[in-house]
Amino acid sequence: MSEAQGSQRSLRGLDWLNFCVADVQTGFGPFIAIYLTTQRWTDLAIGSVLSLGTLVAMASQLPAGALVDWMPSKRLAAAMAIGAITASALLFVLMPSHFGIGLAEVMHGFASCMLNPAIAAVTITMVGSAALGERLGRNARYASLGNGVAAAVMGACGYYFAPGSVFWLTALLGAPSLFALSRIESQRTVRARMVATQPQRGTIAELRALFLDRRLLAFMVCVVMFQMADAAMLPFVGSELAAKAGNVANLVIAACIVAPQAVVALMSPWVGRAAQRYGRRAVLLLGFGAEPVRAVLFGLVAAPVPVVLIQSIDGISAAVIGVLLPLIAADIARERGHFNLIMGAIGLAVGLGATVSTAAAGAIASRIGDHAAFFALAAAGLIATLLVWLLMPETEPAQPTMMPPSVRMNDSATG
C-alpha cells in the first residue's frame, strides 16, 4: 500500500473511530438514571452512584492525561480505554448491585479520561497543526453522528426490550471501535521529522510554568462556569420525564440526544474553519452564549416536543466545545508541551463544573422549584459567557508551528 493510500486509510479509520466511540459513550448518558430507576434504586442511591462516577472522572483527569503522555503508543492507550468501557457496560447488566454499578462507574470514569486525549493526540500527529481545526471539526461531526444514531437505537431498545438492552448494545459496540482503531496506521515517518526539529521538555520548572499559564487558567475558569450551566440540564430533564412518562422517557431522551447531535454534525466543520479564520475567542463566545438561552427556555416550557426543540440549541455549544477544547489545548501545547496533561487539566475543570451543577440544581429544585433551578443554570451560563469576554485571551498562534514532543507521538505513536 502506498503512503498516500495508507494516509487515506488512517483518516477514514479516524472518522469511524470517532463515530464508534461516540456510540459506546452514549450508553453512559441519561440512560443510566432510567435503567437504575427500573431496578428499583432510590433517587438517593442513583444520585450517589452518579456522583461517584463524577468524582472518579475528576480525580482521574490529570493521572490519565499523564499516563497517555507517558505511554509510547497512543493507539494502545485508546484500545485499553475502549476495553475498560466495554467491561463497565457489561457490569451494569451482569452485576446490577451497588458494588457492581459502583465498580462500573469507576472503570468508566478513568477509561474515559484516557480515551479522549488519546484520540486527540493521534489526530494531531496525523494532520499537523495547520489543518488541526478543520480535522477536529470532522472528528466532532462523526462523533455527533455516532451519538445520534446510538441514542436513537438505544432509546428504541429501552422502549421495546428490557432496559438492560441499552448496556448490552453498548458493550457490543466496543468491537467496531477497536476495528476502526486498527485501521489507523503507524506515523513513524511523521514522528522522525518532528524529533529532528523539537527540543525535549518535561522539567519541573516547565510543568510549573504550564499550570501557571494565563491561557490555561482562564480557559479552565470559563469551562467550570460553562459546565455549571450545562451539566445538570439534560439529566434533570431526564429524571423529571422518567418520573412522569415511564418507558416513553427513553424515546424522549433519545430525541433530546439526537436533535443536538444533528446540529453538531452540521456545524462542527464550520466551527473548526471559523476558529482558524476568526480566532478561538470569537467562536467560544458563540458557543457559551447559547447556553443561558437554552436554560431560560427549559425554565419556561416543559412539554415533550418543545423540550426536544429546546435541547437542539445545545448542539451549538456542543459543537464549539467539542472542537475548541482540544484545539485550545493544542495551542498551549505548541509552546508548553504535554498536550494530554493539558487535556486532563481542562477535563478536571469540566468535572468540577459538572459536580457543582448537579448538586446545586438538585438543591435549588428541591427547595424552591424546577423553574428556579433552570434560571439558576441560566445565570451560570451568562457568567461563563462574560468570563470568556473579560478573561479569555486569544490562543491562536500567529503562524502554525510544529507540535512539541509531548504533543507528538513516540516511536509507536499509533502503532
Protein backbone atom coordinates (compact mmCIF):
# COMPACT_ATOMS: atom_id res chain seq x y z
CA MET A 1 0.00 0.00 0.00
CA SER A 2 1.37 3.46 -0.91
CA GLU A 3 1.93 6.21 1.64
CA ALA A 4 -0.99 8.23 0.23
CA GLN A 5 -3.30 5.22 0.38
CA GLY A 6 -2.17 4.46 3.91
CA SER A 7 -2.85 8.04 4.91
CA GLN A 8 -6.36 7.92 3.48
CA ARG A 9 -6.99 4.60 5.20
CA SER A 10 -5.85 6.08 8.52
CA LEU A 11 -8.04 9.16 8.10
CA ARG A 12 -11.06 7.01 7.33
CA GLY A 13 -10.20 4.88 10.34
CA LEU A 14 -10.12 8.03 12.48
CA ASP A 15 -13.55 9.04 11.14
CA TRP A 16 -15.10 5.72 12.12
CA LEU A 17 -13.23 5.57 15.41
CA ASN A 18 -14.89 8.83 16.45
CA PHE A 19 -18.25 7.51 15.26
CA CYS A 20 -17.99 4.19 17.10
CA VAL A 21 -16.52 5.60 20.32
CA ALA A 22 -19.40 8.07 20.48
CA ASP A 23 -21.78 5.11 20.10
CA VAL A 24 -20.17 3.42 23.08
CA GLN A 25 -20.19 6.52 25.28
CA THR A 26 -23.85 7.30 24.57
CA GLY A 27 -24.92 4.34 26.73
CA PHE A 28 -23.47 6.06 29.80
CA GLY A 29 -25.57 9.20 29.48
CA PRO A 30 -29.10 9.77 30.82
CA PHE A 31 -29.96 6.11 30.20
CA ILE A 32 -28.19 5.21 33.48
CA ALA A 33 -30.74 7.04 35.62
CA ILE A 34 -33.63 5.49 33.69
CA TYR A 35 -32.13 1.98 33.94
CA LEU A 36 -31.44 2.20 37.66
CA THR A 37 -34.95 3.51 38.27
CA THR A 38 -36.31 0.32 36.67
CA GLN A 39 -34.03 -1.68 39.01
CA ARG A 40 -35.88 -0.09 41.95
CA TRP A 41 -33.00 2.10 43.01
CA THR A 42 -33.96 5.12 45.09
CA ASP A 43 -33.23 8.66 43.94
CA LEU A 44 -30.60 8.91 46.70
CA ALA A 45 -28.85 5.73 45.56
CA ILE A 46 -28.89 6.83 41.92
CA GLY A 47 -27.51 10.23 42.85
CA SER A 48 -24.79 8.64 44.97
CA VAL A 49 -23.51 6.29 42.25
CA LEU A 50 -23.61 9.05 39.61
CA SER A 51 -21.68 11.29 41.97
CA LEU A 52 -19.13 8.51 42.43
CA GLY A 53 -18.63 8.37 38.68
CA THR A 54 -18.20 12.13 38.52
CA LEU A 55 -15.70 12.16 41.39
CA VAL A 56 -13.66 9.36 39.80
CA ALA A 57 -13.62 11.21 36.49
CA MET A 58 -12.44 14.37 38.22
CA ALA A 59 -9.72 12.58 40.17
CA SER A 60 -8.58 10.71 37.06
CA GLN A 61 -8.16 13.63 34.67
CA LEU A 62 -4.56 14.56 35.46
CA PRO A 63 -3.27 10.99 36.12
CA ALA A 64 -4.95 9.70 32.96
CA GLY A 65 -3.55 12.56 30.87
CA ALA A 66 -0.08 12.00 32.27
CA LEU A 67 -0.41 8.25 31.61
CA VAL A 68 -1.33 8.86 27.96
CA ASP A 69 1.62 11.27 27.62
CA TRP A 70 3.90 8.60 29.08
CA MET A 71 2.64 5.62 27.06
CA PRO A 72 4.70 5.05 23.88
CA SER A 73 1.61 4.02 21.88
CA LYS A 74 -1.38 6.33 21.95
CA ARG A 75 -3.29 3.78 19.90
CA LEU A 76 -2.71 1.20 22.64
CA ALA A 77 -3.92 3.71 25.23
CA ALA A 78 -7.12 4.18 23.26
CA ALA A 79 -7.60 0.41 22.90
CA MET A 80 -7.18 -0.15 26.64
CA ALA A 81 -9.72 2.57 27.37
CA ILE A 82 -12.26 1.10 24.94
CA GLY A 83 -11.82 -2.33 26.53
CA ALA A 84 -12.41 -0.95 30.03
CA ILE A 85 -15.52 0.97 28.92
CA THR A 86 -16.91 -2.19 27.31
CA ALA A 87 -16.32 -4.14 30.53
CA SER A 88 -18.05 -1.47 32.59
CA ALA A 89 -21.14 -1.67 30.33
CA LEU A 90 -21.31 -5.42 30.94
CA LEU A 91 -21.14 -4.86 34.70
CA PHE A 92 -24.33 -2.81 34.56
CA VAL A 93 -26.36 -5.80 33.36
CA LEU A 94 -24.39 -8.69 34.86
CA MET A 95 -23.92 -7.21 38.33
CA PRO A 96 -26.59 -4.54 38.99
CA SER A 97 -25.71 -4.39 42.70
CA HIS A 98 -24.30 -1.33 44.43
CA PHE A 99 -20.82 -2.85 44.24
CA GLY A 100 -21.12 -3.80 40.57
CA ILE A 101 -22.53 -0.46 39.44
CA GLY A 102 -20.00 1.41 41.55
CA LEU A 103 -17.14 -0.58 40.02
CA ALA A 104 -18.54 0.08 36.54
CA GLU A 105 -18.64 3.81 37.21
CA VAL A 106 -15.04 3.79 38.48
CA MET A 107 -13.80 1.88 35.41
CA HIS A 108 -15.74 4.07 33.02
CA GLY A 109 -14.59 7.29 34.69
CA PHE A 110 -10.87 6.53 34.40
CA ALA A 111 -11.09 4.99 30.92
CA SER A 112 -13.00 7.97 29.52
CA CYS A 113 -10.28 10.28 30.82
CA MET A 114 -7.74 8.29 28.80
CA LEU A 115 -9.76 7.84 25.64
CA ASN A 116 -10.46 11.40 24.51
CA PRO A 117 -6.88 12.70 24.95
CA ALA A 118 -5.53 9.61 23.19
CA ILE A 119 -7.77 10.15 20.15
CA ALA A 120 -6.90 13.85 20.06
CA ALA A 121 -3.18 13.05 20.25
CA VAL A 122 -3.47 10.60 17.36
CA THR A 123 -5.31 13.29 15.38
CA ILE A 124 -2.59 15.89 15.93
CA THR A 125 0.12 13.57 14.71
CA MET A 126 -1.84 12.60 11.63
CA VAL A 127 -2.73 16.08 10.32
CA GLY A 128 -0.33 18.55 11.97
CA SER A 129 -1.18 21.98 13.34
CA ALA A 130 -2.16 23.82 10.16
CA ALA A 131 -5.14 21.57 9.42
CA LEU A 132 -5.97 20.75 13.04
CA GLY A 133 -9.04 22.97 13.44
CA GLU A 134 -10.86 21.54 10.44
CA ARG A 135 -9.85 17.97 11.31
CA LEU A 136 -11.15 18.37 14.87
CA GLY A 137 -14.38 19.64 13.35
CA ARG A 138 -14.56 16.47 11.25
CA ASN A 139 -13.89 14.38 14.38
CA ALA A 140 -16.76 16.16 16.13
CA ARG A 141 -19.05 15.62 13.12
CA TYR A 142 -18.51 11.85 13.14
CA ALA A 143 -18.80 11.74 16.94
CA SER A 144 -22.11 13.60 16.79
CA LEU A 145 -23.41 11.25 14.10
CA GLY A 146 -22.41 8.32 16.29
CA ASN A 147 -24.14 9.85 19.30
CA GLY A 148 -27.30 10.48 17.33
CA VAL A 149 -27.51 7.01 15.79
CA ALA A 150 -26.71 5.30 19.07
CA ALA A 151 -29.20 7.39 21.03
CA ALA A 152 -31.99 6.56 18.60
CA VAL A 153 -31.20 2.83 18.63
CA MET A 154 -30.71 2.70 22.39
CA GLY A 155 -33.89 4.64 23.03
CA ALA A 156 -35.81 2.15 20.90
CA CYS A 157 -34.14 -0.79 22.68
CA GLY A 158 -35.02 0.66 26.08
CA TYR A 159 -38.63 1.11 24.97
CA TYR A 160 -39.27 -2.16 23.13
CA PHE A 161 -36.95 -4.51 25.04
CA ALA A 162 -35.59 -4.85 28.58
CA PRO A 163 -33.96 -1.68 29.95
CA GLY A 164 -30.65 -3.53 30.26
CA SER A 165 -30.52 -3.98 26.49
CA VAL A 166 -29.03 -0.49 26.26
CA PHE A 167 -25.89 -1.72 28.03
CA TRP A 168 -25.67 -4.97 26.07
CA LEU A 169 -25.69 -2.86 22.92
CA THR A 170 -23.07 -0.52 24.41
CA ALA A 171 -20.76 -3.46 25.10
CA LEU A 172 -21.23 -4.88 21.59
CA LEU A 173 -20.24 -1.54 20.06
CA GLY A 174 -16.77 -1.89 21.59
CA ALA A 175 -15.81 -4.34 18.80
CA PRO A 176 -16.28 -1.95 15.84
CA SER A 177 -14.48 0.74 17.85
CA LEU A 178 -11.41 -1.47 18.15
CA PHE A 179 -11.62 -2.42 14.47
CA ALA A 180 -11.70 1.25 13.43
CA LEU A 181 -8.71 1.91 15.68
CA SER A 182 -6.80 -0.90 13.99
CA ARG A 183 -7.23 0.85 10.62
CA ILE A 184 -5.09 3.78 11.79
CA GLU A 185 -1.52 3.05 10.77
CA SER A 186 1.78 3.94 12.40
CA GLN A 187 3.02 7.51 11.98
CA ARG A 188 6.75 6.78 12.41
CA THR A 189 7.75 8.95 9.44
CA VAL A 190 5.93 11.96 10.87
CA ARG A 191 7.49 11.31 14.24
CA ALA A 192 11.00 11.17 12.81
CA ARG A 193 10.60 14.61 11.21
CA MET A 194 9.27 16.11 14.45
CA VAL A 195 12.06 14.67 16.61
CA ALA A 196 14.63 16.33 14.39
CA THR A 197 13.19 19.81 14.94
CA GLN A 198 11.88 19.89 18.50
CA PRO A 199 13.66 20.18 21.87
CA GLN A 200 12.91 17.87 24.77
CA ARG A 201 10.59 19.09 27.53
CA GLY A 202 9.31 17.93 30.89
CA THR A 203 11.29 19.64 33.69
CA ILE A 204 9.62 20.69 36.92
CA ALA A 205 10.06 24.34 36.01
CA GLU A 206 8.28 23.80 32.70
CA LEU A 207 5.42 21.95 34.38
CA ARG A 208 5.09 24.80 36.87
CA ALA A 209 5.02 27.30 34.03
CA LEU A 210 2.39 25.21 32.27
CA PHE A 211 -0.01 25.22 35.21
CA LEU A 212 0.52 28.96 35.73
CA ASP A 213 -0.10 29.77 32.07
CA ARG A 214 -2.75 32.51 31.92
CA ARG A 215 -4.41 30.99 28.87
CA LEU A 216 -4.87 27.63 30.56
CA LEU A 217 -6.08 29.10 33.87
CA ALA A 218 -8.55 31.45 32.17
CA PHE A 219 -9.95 28.70 29.98
CA MET A 220 -10.33 26.36 32.95
CA VAL A 221 -12.30 29.01 34.86
CA CYS A 222 -14.56 29.60 31.85
CA VAL A 223 -15.10 25.85 31.40
CA VAL A 224 -16.03 25.40 35.09
CA MET A 225 -18.76 28.02 34.78
CA PHE A 226 -19.95 26.63 31.45
CA GLN A 227 -20.30 23.14 32.92
CA MET A 228 -22.11 24.55 35.93
CA ALA A 229 -24.73 25.75 33.47
CA ASP A 230 -24.73 22.74 31.15
CA ALA A 231 -24.16 19.50 33.05
CA ALA A 232 -27.37 19.31 35.08
CA MET A 233 -29.80 20.33 32.35
CA LEU A 234 -30.43 17.15 30.37
CA PRO A 235 -30.11 14.71 33.33
CA PHE A 236 -32.50 16.95 35.27
CA VAL A 237 -34.99 16.89 32.40
CA GLY A 238 -34.46 13.11 32.10
CA SER A 239 -35.25 12.47 35.75
CA GLU A 240 -38.44 14.51 35.51
CA LEU A 241 -39.51 12.64 32.38
CA ALA A 242 -38.70 9.24 33.92
CA ALA A 243 -40.94 10.04 36.90
CA LYS A 244 -43.84 11.27 34.75
CA ALA A 245 -43.66 9.35 31.47
CA GLY A 246 -42.33 5.85 32.27
CA ASN A 247 -40.91 3.96 29.29
CA VAL A 248 -41.77 6.82 26.92
CA ALA A 249 -38.99 8.76 28.68
CA ASN A 250 -36.45 6.62 26.83
CA LEU A 251 -37.80 7.83 23.49
CA VAL A 252 -37.95 11.48 24.57
CA ILE A 253 -34.41 11.36 25.98
CA ALA A 254 -33.22 9.69 22.78
CA ALA A 255 -34.77 12.53 20.79
CA CYS A 256 -33.12 15.05 23.11
CA ILE A 257 -29.75 13.47 22.30
CA VAL A 258 -30.35 13.05 18.56
CA ALA A 259 -31.54 16.62 17.91
CA PRO A 260 -28.42 18.47 19.15
CA GLN A 261 -26.16 15.86 17.58
CA ALA A 262 -27.67 16.71 14.19
CA VAL A 263 -26.75 20.35 14.84
CA VAL A 264 -23.23 19.33 15.88
CA ALA A 265 -22.80 17.25 12.72
CA LEU A 266 -23.78 20.23 10.58
CA MET A 267 -21.81 22.87 12.49
CA SER A 268 -18.58 21.22 13.60
CA PRO A 269 -16.52 21.55 10.38
CA TRP A 270 -17.59 25.19 10.13
CA VAL A 271 -16.57 25.74 13.77
CA GLY A 272 -13.10 24.37 13.01
CA ARG A 273 -12.70 26.63 9.97
CA ALA A 274 -14.10 29.65 11.82
CA ALA A 275 -11.70 29.10 14.73
CA GLN A 276 -8.80 29.14 12.25
CA ARG A 277 -10.11 32.22 10.45
CA TYR A 278 -11.60 34.40 13.21
CA GLY A 279 -9.78 33.11 16.28
CA ARG A 280 -10.75 30.90 19.18
CA ARG A 281 -12.26 33.56 21.42
CA ALA A 282 -14.95 34.72 18.98
CA VAL A 283 -16.17 31.17 18.43
CA LEU A 284 -16.16 30.47 22.17
CA LEU A 285 -18.47 33.44 22.72
CA LEU A 286 -20.95 31.95 20.25
CA GLY A 287 -20.98 28.55 21.95
CA PHE A 288 -21.10 29.84 25.50
CA GLY A 289 -23.81 32.39 24.67
CA ALA A 290 -26.22 29.67 23.54
CA GLU A 291 -26.22 28.06 27.00
CA PRO A 292 -28.20 30.66 29.03
CA VAL A 293 -30.79 30.84 26.24
CA ARG A 294 -31.39 27.09 26.48
CA ALA A 295 -31.69 27.17 30.27
CA VAL A 296 -34.22 30.01 30.27
CA LEU A 297 -36.36 28.22 27.69
CA PHE A 298 -36.27 24.99 29.73
CA GLY A 299 -37.48 27.01 32.71
CA LEU A 300 -40.45 28.30 30.73
CA VAL A 301 -41.51 25.17 28.78
CA ALA A 302 -41.96 21.56 29.93
CA ALA A 303 -43.94 19.75 27.18
CA PRO A 304 -42.03 16.89 25.44
CA VAL A 305 -41.98 18.31 21.89
CA PRO A 306 -40.76 21.79 22.86
CA VAL A 307 -38.22 20.17 25.20
CA VAL A 308 -36.67 18.34 22.24
CA LEU A 309 -36.57 21.54 20.18
CA ILE A 310 -35.01 23.50 23.02
CA GLN A 311 -32.40 20.80 23.59
CA SER A 312 -31.30 21.17 19.95
CA ILE A 313 -29.78 24.53 20.95
CA ASP A 314 -27.25 22.51 22.90
CA GLY A 315 -25.82 21.44 19.54
CA ILE A 316 -24.32 24.91 19.09
CA SER A 317 -22.50 24.75 22.42
CA ALA A 318 -21.52 21.12 21.94
CA ALA A 319 -20.01 21.79 18.51
CA VAL A 320 -17.95 24.69 19.86
CA ILE A 321 -16.74 22.84 22.96
CA GLY A 322 -16.03 19.64 21.05
CA VAL A 323 -13.74 21.43 18.59
CA LEU A 324 -12.29 24.24 20.70
CA LEU A 325 -11.34 22.26 23.81
CA PRO A 326 -8.64 20.13 22.11
CA LEU A 327 -7.75 22.99 19.75
CA ILE A 328 -7.00 25.41 22.60
CA ALA A 329 -5.11 22.64 24.39
CA ALA A 330 -3.01 22.18 21.24
CA ASP A 331 -2.41 25.95 21.04
CA ILE A 332 -0.99 25.97 24.55
CA ALA A 333 0.96 22.75 23.96
CA ARG A 334 2.79 24.26 20.99
CA GLU A 335 4.72 26.34 23.49
CA ARG A 336 4.43 24.34 26.70
CA GLY A 337 4.23 20.72 25.58
CA HIS A 338 2.32 18.00 27.48
CA PHE A 339 -0.81 18.02 25.35
CA ASN A 340 -2.50 15.13 27.15
CA LEU A 341 -1.76 16.63 30.55
CA ILE A 342 -3.36 19.89 29.40
CA MET A 343 -6.37 17.92 28.21
CA GLY A 344 -6.52 16.34 31.65
CA ALA A 345 -6.40 19.73 33.37
CA ILE A 346 -9.24 21.04 31.22
CA GLY A 347 -11.13 17.80 31.84
CA LEU A 348 -10.73 18.40 35.58
CA ALA A 349 -12.38 21.79 35.10
CA VAL A 350 -15.21 20.07 33.24
CA GLY A 351 -15.68 17.64 36.14
CA LEU A 352 -15.63 20.36 38.79
CA GLY A 353 -18.27 22.35 36.98
CA ALA A 354 -20.43 19.28 36.38
CA THR A 355 -20.28 18.26 40.04
CA VAL A 356 -21.35 21.67 41.28
CA SER A 357 -24.04 21.87 38.60
CA THR A 358 -25.86 18.66 39.50
CA ALA A 359 -25.63 19.27 43.25
CA ALA A 360 -26.72 22.91 43.08
CA ALA A 361 -29.55 22.31 40.61
CA GLY A 362 -30.90 19.46 42.73
CA ALA A 363 -30.78 21.52 45.91
CA ILE A 364 -32.48 24.53 44.31
CA ALA A 365 -35.17 22.37 42.70
CA SER A 366 -35.99 20.60 45.97
CA ARG A 367 -36.24 23.83 47.98
CA ILE A 368 -37.61 26.38 45.51
CA GLY A 369 -38.77 24.51 42.43
CA ASP A 370 -37.78 23.32 38.98
CA HIS A 371 -38.18 26.69 37.31
CA ALA A 372 -35.81 28.32 39.77
CA ALA A 373 -33.21 25.61 39.11
CA PHE A 374 -33.26 26.28 35.37
CA PHE A 375 -32.99 30.03 35.89
CA ALA A 376 -30.00 29.46 38.19
CA LEU A 377 -28.36 27.40 35.44
CA ALA A 378 -29.09 30.25 33.01
CA ALA A 379 -27.32 32.70 35.34
CA ALA A 380 -24.26 30.41 35.43
CA GLY A 381 -24.25 30.30 31.63
CA LEU A 382 -24.40 34.06 31.39
CA ILE A 383 -21.48 34.40 33.82
CA ALA A 384 -19.49 31.88 31.75
CA THR A 385 -20.06 33.95 28.60
CA LEU A 386 -18.99 37.15 30.37
CA LEU A 387 -15.84 35.42 31.62
CA VAL A 388 -14.88 34.47 28.07
CA TRP A 389 -15.34 38.10 27.07
CA LEU A 390 -13.41 39.54 30.02
CA LEU A 391 -10.73 36.95 30.87
CA MET A 392 -10.04 34.64 27.95
CA PRO A 393 -7.05 35.67 25.78
CA GLU A 394 -6.75 34.63 22.15
CA THR A 395 -4.70 31.43 21.94
CA GLU A 396 -4.36 31.05 18.17
CA PRO A 397 -0.68 31.37 17.23
CA ALA A 398 0.35 33.93 14.65
CA GLN A 399 1.78 31.19 12.46
CA PRO A 400 1.29 27.42 12.71
CA THR A 401 4.24 25.65 14.30
CA MET A 402 5.29 22.05 14.79
CA MET A 403 3.99 20.29 17.86
CA PRO A 404 6.47 19.77 20.70
CA PRO A 405 7.44 16.21 21.58
CA SER A 406 4.99 15.77 24.43
CA VAL A 407 2.18 16.55 21.99
CA ARG A 408 3.53 14.33 19.22
CA MET A 409 3.67 10.58 19.45
CA ASN A 410 6.59 8.44 20.45
CA ASP A 411 8.16 5.70 18.28
CA SER A 412 4.96 3.67 18.16
CA ALA A 413 2.65 6.62 18.45
CA THR A 414 -0.20 4.98 16.66
CA GLY A 415 1.38 1.60 16.23
